[in-house]
Amino acid sequence: MGILPGQQYFGRRPDDGVSPRQWKIRRCGATEKLIGTCLSHDLIGGYTHWFRGRTLPCVDPSTCEACQASTPRRWHSWFAAKLTKFSELVIIEITERAVEPFDSWFRQHRTLRGVCFELSRKGRKENGQLCVRLKDGVVPSDQLQSIGEIDFMLLRMWEMPDNVPMREKKAKRDGDEPGTAVAP
């Protein structure tokens, strides 16, 4: 049976992966524990500003409106995750101080994909220090949801063009896969 007109545009199932519009950025709240599995190969990070009521990336300090308004920059990192509760797919945001356990795991295992994590806040304060616990018992990659590149998802959420230079390499570590990137 041949292909009917228009059939090349339709299919029985969507492509693998998840539409970027379905992803939300999640921060660990004051009294909650976020428990889940990392879907990203590695963290992606960059400097951001809290400016005009929302988080925005600081891509180029010489042209950044928030920098010119003397708003402080903060480093944040993100990774895709599947939270245990409700099997929710999210992008987790972590602070600069919370990067170290993920970086150590990456250096030892050469990927974050499949590691189980637990995030909570010290002192049960909204912006209290983020506590990270990574757990053995990694979920095999073939049992994990495939994902797109989260840097493009973040750019879309921030309503920025895809050609923003967020994809430049920072410092290449042993075990980095080609095509993975961190913000400058």
Protein backbone atom coordinates (compact mmCIF):
# COMPACT_ATOMS: atom_id res chain seq x y z
CA MET A 1 0.00 0.00 0.00
CA GLY A 2 1.45 3.38 -1.00
CA ILE A 3 1.64 6.59 0.98
CA LEU A 4 -1.49 8.70 0.71
CA PRO A 5 -1.21 12.49 0.24
CA GLY A 6 -0.36 14.14 3.57
CA GLN A 7 0.71 10.89 5.31
CA GLN A 8 4.34 11.99 5.56
CA TYR A 9 3.17 14.75 7.95
CA PHE A 10 1.27 12.46 10.30
CA GLY A 11 2.03 9.46 12.44
CA ARG A 12 0.53 7.23 15.08
CA ARG A 13 2.79 8.46 17.91
CA PRO A 14 4.76 11.63 18.66
CA ASP A 15 8.53 11.60 18.24
CA ASP A 16 10.66 10.35 21.12
CA GLY A 17 11.44 12.98 23.72
CA VAL A 18 9.20 15.54 25.31
CA SER A 19 8.08 18.89 23.97
CA PRO A 20 9.95 21.76 25.71
CA ARG A 21 6.60 23.36 26.54
CA GLN A 22 5.89 20.49 28.96
CA TRP A 23 8.89 21.18 31.17
CA LYS A 24 8.78 23.41 34.25
CA ILE A 25 11.71 24.72 36.26
CA ARG A 26 11.54 23.46 39.85
CA ARG A 27 13.43 24.78 42.84
CA CYS A 28 13.38 22.93 46.13
CA GLY A 29 10.98 24.70 48.48
CA ALA A 30 11.59 25.44 52.16
CA THR A 31 9.80 22.40 53.57
CA GLU A 32 9.85 19.92 50.71
CA LYS A 33 12.16 17.19 49.56
CA LEU A 34 12.59 16.73 45.84
CA ILE A 35 13.38 13.08 45.12
CA GLY A 36 13.97 11.79 41.64
CA THR A 37 16.25 10.54 38.91
CA CYS A 38 18.56 12.67 36.77
CA LEU A 39 17.85 12.44 33.04
CA SER A 40 20.66 14.76 31.89
CA HIS A 41 24.18 13.64 31.07
CA ASP A 42 25.59 16.64 32.97
CA LEU A 43 24.59 19.94 34.51
CA ILE A 44 24.31 23.08 32.43
CA GLY A 45 24.86 26.35 34.23
CA GLY A 46 25.18 30.07 33.91
CA TYR A 47 24.89 33.40 35.64
CA THR A 48 21.41 34.77 36.18
CA HIS A 49 19.75 37.82 37.67
CA TRP A 50 16.54 38.16 39.64
CA PHE A 51 15.24 41.13 37.65
CA ARG A 52 11.75 42.58 37.28
CA GLY A 53 10.19 39.70 39.19
CA ARG A 54 11.77 36.81 37.32
CA THR A 55 15.05 34.97 36.76
CA LEU A 56 16.84 35.96 33.57
CA PRO A 57 20.18 34.74 32.19
CA CYS A 58 23.14 37.11 32.07
CA VAL A 59 24.46 36.30 28.62
CA ASP A 60 26.62 39.36 27.95
CA PRO A 61 27.38 41.67 30.92
CA SER A 62 28.27 44.54 28.56
CA THR A 63 24.71 44.61 27.15
CA CYS A 64 22.79 43.10 30.08
CA GLU A 65 20.07 45.44 31.33
CA ALA A 66 20.15 43.83 34.79
CA CYS A 67 23.95 44.28 35.05
CA GLN A 68 23.58 47.93 34.07
CA ALA A 69 20.99 48.29 36.87
CA SER A 70 23.61 46.85 39.32
CA THR A 71 21.54 43.73 40.02
CA PRO A 72 23.82 41.00 41.44
CA ARG A 73 24.56 37.92 39.34
CA ARG A 74 24.17 34.43 40.77
CA TRP A 75 25.32 31.11 39.33
CA HIS A 76 22.61 28.52 38.81
CA SER A 77 22.79 25.08 37.26
CA TRP A 78 20.02 22.98 35.78
CA PHE A 79 19.37 19.38 34.88
CA ALA A 80 16.41 17.40 33.57
CA ALA A 81 14.83 15.03 36.06
CA LYS A 82 11.94 12.71 36.64
CA LEU A 83 10.55 13.31 40.12
CA THR A 84 9.41 10.23 42.00
CA LYS A 85 6.17 11.86 43.15
CA PHE A 86 3.68 11.82 40.25
CA SER A 87 6.50 10.87 37.78
CA GLU A 88 6.72 14.57 36.90
CA LEU A 89 9.29 15.61 34.27
CA VAL A 90 11.00 18.86 35.29
CA ILE A 91 14.14 20.93 34.99
CA ILE A 92 15.73 21.19 38.44
CA GLU A 93 17.48 24.43 39.36
CA ILE A 94 20.32 24.26 41.88
CA THR A 95 22.62 26.86 43.40
CA GLU A 96 26.37 27.22 43.00
CA ARG A 97 27.06 25.60 46.38
CA ALA A 98 24.99 22.54 45.45
CA VAL A 99 27.01 21.78 42.29
CA GLU A 100 29.92 19.99 44.05
CA PRO A 101 28.20 16.64 44.80
CA PHE A 102 26.97 16.44 41.19
CA ASP A 103 30.42 17.35 39.87
CA SER A 104 32.09 14.69 42.05
CA TRP A 105 29.58 12.07 40.86
CA PHE A 106 30.16 13.08 37.24
CA ARG A 107 33.93 12.82 37.58
CA GLN A 108 33.65 9.34 39.11
CA HIS A 109 30.87 7.90 36.89
CA ARG A 110 31.30 10.02 33.73
CA THR A 111 27.57 10.84 33.65
CA LEU A 112 24.76 12.03 35.90
CA ARG A 113 22.13 10.23 33.85
CA GLY A 114 20.34 7.70 36.05
CA VAL A 115 21.64 8.88 39.43
CA CYS A 116 18.96 9.15 42.12
CA PHE A 117 18.93 12.39 44.11
CA GLU A 118 17.29 13.99 47.11
CA LEU A 119 17.23 17.78 47.54
CA SER A 120 16.13 19.66 50.66
CA ARG A 121 16.70 23.06 52.31
CA LYS A 122 18.80 23.49 55.44
CA GLY A 123 16.87 25.19 58.24
CA ARG A 124 13.63 24.76 56.29
CA LYS A 125 14.00 28.33 54.94
CA GLU A 126 12.84 29.36 51.46
CA ASN A 127 16.33 30.38 50.36
CA GLY A 128 18.20 28.21 52.87
CA GLN A 129 21.28 26.28 51.79
CA LEU A 130 20.39 23.53 49.36
CA CYS A 131 21.33 20.07 50.64
CA VAL A 132 22.08 17.38 48.05
CA ARG A 133 22.16 13.65 48.59
CA LEU A 134 23.03 11.42 45.64
CA LYS A 135 22.14 7.79 46.01
CA ASP A 136 23.66 4.63 44.68
CA GLY A 137 21.26 2.46 42.77
CA VAL A 138 21.55 4.20 39.44
CA VAL A 139 18.69 3.59 37.01
CA PRO A 140 20.02 2.06 33.75
CA SER A 141 20.01 4.48 30.78
CA ASP A 142 17.80 2.20 28.68
CA GLN A 143 15.04 2.56 31.32
CA LEU A 144 15.15 6.38 31.29
CA GLN A 145 13.08 8.84 29.28
CA SER A 146 14.93 10.41 26.37
CA ILE A 147 15.17 14.19 26.57
CA GLY A 148 16.12 17.10 24.36
CA GLU A 149 18.90 19.53 25.17
CA ILE A 150 17.78 21.60 28.14
CA ASP A 151 19.76 24.69 27.18
CA PHE A 152 17.36 25.20 24.27
CA MET A 153 14.41 24.52 26.59
CA LEU A 154 15.68 27.19 29.00
CA LEU A 155 16.17 29.71 26.19
CA ARG A 156 12.60 29.14 25.04
CA MET A 157 11.26 29.54 28.58
CA TRP A 158 13.17 32.81 28.87
CA GLU A 159 11.81 33.83 25.44
CA MET A 160 15.33 34.21 24.03
CA PRO A 161 16.54 33.28 20.54
CA ASP A 162 18.22 29.89 20.11
CA ASN A 163 21.42 31.54 18.85
CA VAL A 164 22.29 33.09 22.23
CA PRO A 165 25.89 32.02 23.04
CA MET A 166 24.84 29.79 25.95
CA ARG A 167 26.27 26.71 24.25
CA GLU A 168 29.96 27.62 24.50
CA LYS A 169 32.17 25.26 26.45
CA LYS A 170 33.42 26.40 29.84
CA ALA A 171 36.06 23.98 31.10
CA LYS A 172 36.15 20.57 29.46
CA ARG A 173 36.36 17.77 32.01
CA ASP A 174 37.30 14.17 31.52
CA GLY A 175 34.15 12.35 30.46
CA ASP A 176 32.40 15.25 28.72
CA GLU A 177 30.43 14.04 25.75
CA PRO A 178 30.79 15.93 22.48
CA GLY A 179 27.93 18.36 22.01
CA THR A 180 27.24 18.89 25.71
CA ALA A 181 27.75 22.41 26.92
CA VAL A 182 27.73 24.73 29.83
CA ALA A 183 27.14 28.46 29.77
CA PRO A 184 30.08 30.86 29.90
